Amino acid sequence: MNEKSKLIKELDNLELEHRSLDKLLIRIREEKTIDLLQIQKLKKRKLILKDKINYLRNKIEPDIIA
């Protein structure tokens, strides 16, 4: 497996986790009891994932303006 394939696989995994967190956050908000600390932790994790996703996307296909 070459470097680009590894990056694409890692990107896919991160995007999957990011979508899962989205669904979990929606479900938590719909519950009657809201755990603000849990929501805050999940949102922080989601932001970290988003940064990693953007980093990998740029590494796979750099956005070079010439």
N, C-alpha and C. Protein backbone atom coordinates (compact mmCIF):
# COMPACT_ATOMS: atom_id res chain seq x y z
N MET A 1 0.86 -1.17 0.00
CA MET A 1 0.00 0.00 0.00
C MET A 1 0.91 1.24 0.00
N ASN A 2 0.70 2.12 -0.94
CA ASN A 2 1.54 3.30 -1.02
C ASN A 2 1.07 4.38 -0.05
N GLU A 3 1.85 5.45 0.04
CA GLU A 3 1.58 6.53 0.99
C GLU A 3 0.21 7.17 0.76
N LYS A 4 -0.12 7.43 -0.50
CA LYS A 4 -1.40 8.07 -0.81
C LYS A 4 -2.57 7.18 -0.41
N SER A 5 -2.46 5.89 -0.64
CA SER A 5 -3.53 4.95 -0.26
C SER A 5 -3.73 4.93 1.25
N LYS A 6 -2.63 4.98 1.99
CA LYS A 6 -2.71 5.00 3.45
C LYS A 6 -3.41 6.28 3.93
N LEU A 7 -3.05 7.39 3.31
CA LEU A 7 -3.66 8.66 3.69
C LEU A 7 -5.16 8.67 3.38
N ILE A 8 -5.52 8.13 2.24
CA ILE A 8 -6.94 8.07 1.86
C ILE A 8 -7.72 7.18 2.83
N LYS A 9 -7.13 6.07 3.22
CA LYS A 9 -7.79 5.17 4.17
C LYS A 9 -7.97 5.86 5.53
N GLU A 10 -6.92 6.55 5.98
CA GLU A 10 -7.01 7.27 7.25
C GLU A 10 -8.07 8.38 7.15
N LEU A 11 -8.10 9.07 6.03
CA LEU A 11 -9.09 10.12 5.80
C LEU A 11 -10.50 9.55 5.87
N ASP A 12 -10.73 8.43 5.23
CA ASP A 12 -12.05 7.78 5.26
C ASP A 12 -12.46 7.44 6.69
N ASN A 13 -11.51 6.92 7.47
CA ASN A 13 -11.81 6.56 8.86
C ASN A 13 -12.16 7.79 9.69
N LEU A 14 -11.41 8.87 9.49
CA LEU A 14 -11.68 10.10 10.24
C LEU A 14 -13.04 10.69 9.85
N GLU A 15 -13.35 10.67 8.57
CA GLU A 15 -14.65 11.19 8.13
C GLU A 15 -15.80 10.36 8.69
N LEU A 16 -15.61 9.05 8.76
CA LEU A 16 -16.63 8.18 9.34
C LEU A 16 -16.85 8.50 10.81
N GLU A 17 -15.76 8.68 11.54
CA GLU A 17 -15.87 9.02 12.96
C GLU A 17 -16.54 10.39 13.14
N HIS A 18 -16.21 11.32 12.27
CA HIS A 18 -16.80 12.66 12.33
C HIS A 18 -18.31 12.60 12.12
N ARG A 19 -18.75 11.83 11.13
CA ARG A 19 -20.19 11.67 10.89
C ARG A 19 -20.88 10.98 12.07
N SER A 20 -20.21 10.00 12.65
CA SER A 20 -20.78 9.29 13.80
C SER A 20 -20.97 10.24 14.98
N LEU A 21 -20.00 11.12 15.19
CA LEU A 21 -20.12 12.10 16.27
C LEU A 21 -21.28 13.06 16.00
N ASP A 22 -21.46 13.44 14.76
CA ASP A 22 -22.60 14.28 14.39
C ASP A 22 -23.91 13.62 14.81
N LYS A 23 -24.06 12.37 14.45
CA LYS A 23 -25.29 11.63 14.78
C LYS A 23 -25.46 11.50 16.28
N LEU A 24 -24.37 11.24 16.99
CA LEU A 24 -24.43 11.10 18.44
C LEU A 24 -24.83 12.42 19.09
N LEU A 25 -24.26 13.52 18.63
CA LEU A 25 -24.62 14.83 19.18
C LEU A 25 -26.09 15.15 18.95
N ILE A 26 -26.59 14.83 17.80
CA ILE A 26 -28.02 15.05 17.51
C ILE A 26 -28.88 14.23 18.47
N ARG A 27 -28.51 12.97 18.66
CA ARG A 27 -29.27 12.10 19.55
C ARG A 27 -29.23 12.61 21.00
N ILE A 28 -28.07 13.07 21.44
CA ILE A 28 -27.94 13.58 22.81
C ILE A 28 -28.80 14.82 23.00
N ARG A 29 -28.81 15.71 22.01
CA ARG A 29 -29.62 16.94 22.11
C ARG A 29 -31.11 16.63 22.19
N GLU A 30 -31.53 15.55 21.58
CA GLU A 30 -32.95 15.19 21.57
C GLU A 30 -33.40 14.55 22.88
N GLU A 31 -32.45 14.10 23.69
CA GLU A 31 -32.80 13.47 24.97
C GLU A 31 -33.29 14.53 25.95
N LYS A 32 -34.07 14.09 26.90
CA LYS A 32 -34.60 15.01 27.89
C LYS A 32 -33.50 15.49 28.85
N THR A 33 -32.59 14.61 29.21
CA THR A 33 -31.48 14.99 30.09
C THR A 33 -30.26 15.30 29.24
N ILE A 34 -29.74 16.49 29.40
CA ILE A 34 -28.62 16.92 28.57
C ILE A 34 -27.37 17.00 29.44
N ASP A 35 -26.32 16.32 29.01
CA ASP A 35 -25.04 16.34 29.69
C ASP A 35 -24.13 17.32 28.94
N LEU A 36 -24.05 18.54 29.45
CA LEU A 36 -23.29 19.58 28.75
C LEU A 36 -21.81 19.25 28.65
N LEU A 37 -21.26 18.60 29.66
CA LEU A 37 -19.85 18.23 29.63
C LEU A 37 -19.59 17.22 28.51
N GLN A 38 -20.47 16.25 28.39
CA GLN A 38 -20.32 15.26 27.33
C GLN A 38 -20.43 15.92 25.95
N ILE A 39 -21.37 16.82 25.80
CA ILE A 39 -21.53 17.52 24.52
C ILE A 39 -20.28 18.33 24.20
N GLN A 40 -19.74 19.00 25.20
CA GLN A 40 -18.54 19.81 25.00
C GLN A 40 -17.36 18.93 24.56
N LYS A 41 -17.19 17.78 25.20
CA LYS A 41 -16.10 16.87 24.84
C LYS A 41 -16.27 16.34 23.42
N LEU A 42 -17.50 16.00 23.06
CA LEU A 42 -17.76 15.49 21.71
C LEU A 42 -17.51 16.55 20.65
N LYS A 43 -17.91 17.78 20.94
CA LYS A 43 -17.68 18.87 19.99
C LYS A 43 -16.19 19.13 19.82
N LYS A 44 -15.45 19.05 20.92
CA LYS A 44 -14.00 19.25 20.84
C LYS A 44 -13.36 18.15 20.00
N ARG A 45 -13.78 16.92 20.21
CA ARG A 45 -13.26 15.80 19.42
C ARG A 45 -13.60 15.99 17.95
N LYS A 46 -14.79 16.47 17.68
CA LYS A 46 -15.23 16.70 16.31
C LYS A 46 -14.35 17.76 15.63
N LEU A 47 -14.01 18.82 16.35
CA LEU A 47 -13.14 19.85 15.80
C LEU A 47 -11.74 19.31 15.51
N ILE A 48 -11.24 18.49 16.41
CA ILE A 48 -9.92 17.87 16.20
C ILE A 48 -9.96 17.00 14.95
N LEU A 49 -11.02 16.23 14.79
CA LEU A 49 -11.16 15.38 13.61
C LEU A 49 -11.23 16.23 12.34
N LYS A 50 -11.97 17.32 12.40
CA LYS A 50 -12.11 18.20 11.23
C LYS A 50 -10.74 18.75 10.81
N ASP A 51 -9.93 19.13 11.79
CA ASP A 51 -8.58 19.62 11.48
C ASP A 51 -7.73 18.54 10.83
N LYS A 52 -7.81 17.32 11.36
CA LYS A 52 -7.05 16.21 10.79
C LYS A 52 -7.52 15.89 9.38
N ILE A 53 -8.84 15.94 9.18
CA ILE A 53 -9.41 15.67 7.85
C ILE A 53 -8.90 16.70 6.84
N ASN A 54 -8.94 17.97 7.22
CA ASN A 54 -8.45 19.02 6.31
C ASN A 54 -6.96 18.86 6.03
N TYR A 55 -6.19 18.51 7.04
CA TYR A 55 -4.75 18.30 6.86
C TYR A 55 -4.50 17.18 5.86
N LEU A 56 -5.20 16.07 6.03
CA LEU A 56 -5.00 14.93 5.13
C LEU A 56 -5.46 15.25 3.71
N ARG A 57 -6.57 15.94 3.58
CA ARG A 57 -7.05 16.32 2.24
C ARG A 57 -6.00 17.18 1.53
N ASN A 58 -5.41 18.12 2.26
CA ASN A 58 -4.38 18.97 1.66
C ASN A 58 -3.11 18.20 1.35
N LYS A 59 -2.82 17.20 2.15
CA LYS A 59 -1.63 16.39 1.91
C LYS A 59 -1.82 15.48 0.69
N ILE A 60 -3.04 14.96 0.53
CA ILE A 60 -3.34 14.08 -0.60
C ILE A 60 -3.37 14.88 -1.90
N GLU A 61 -4.09 15.99 -1.88
CA GLU A 61 -4.19 16.85 -3.07
C GLU A 61 -3.98 18.29 -2.65
N PRO A 62 -2.73 18.75 -2.70
CA PRO A 62 -2.44 20.13 -2.29
C PRO A 62 -3.17 21.14 -3.17
N ASP A 63 -3.60 22.21 -2.53
CA ASP A 63 -4.30 23.29 -3.23
C ASP A 63 -3.27 24.35 -3.59
N ILE A 64 -2.64 24.16 -4.74
CA ILE A 64 -1.57 25.06 -5.18
C ILE A 64 -2.14 26.06 -6.18
N ILE A 65 -2.07 27.32 -5.81
CA ILE A 65 -2.52 28.38 -6.71
C ILE A 65 -1.29 29.01 -7.34
N ALA A 66 -1.20 28.90 -8.66
CA ALA A 66 -0.01 29.44 -9.33
C ALA A 66 -0.40 30.50 -10.33
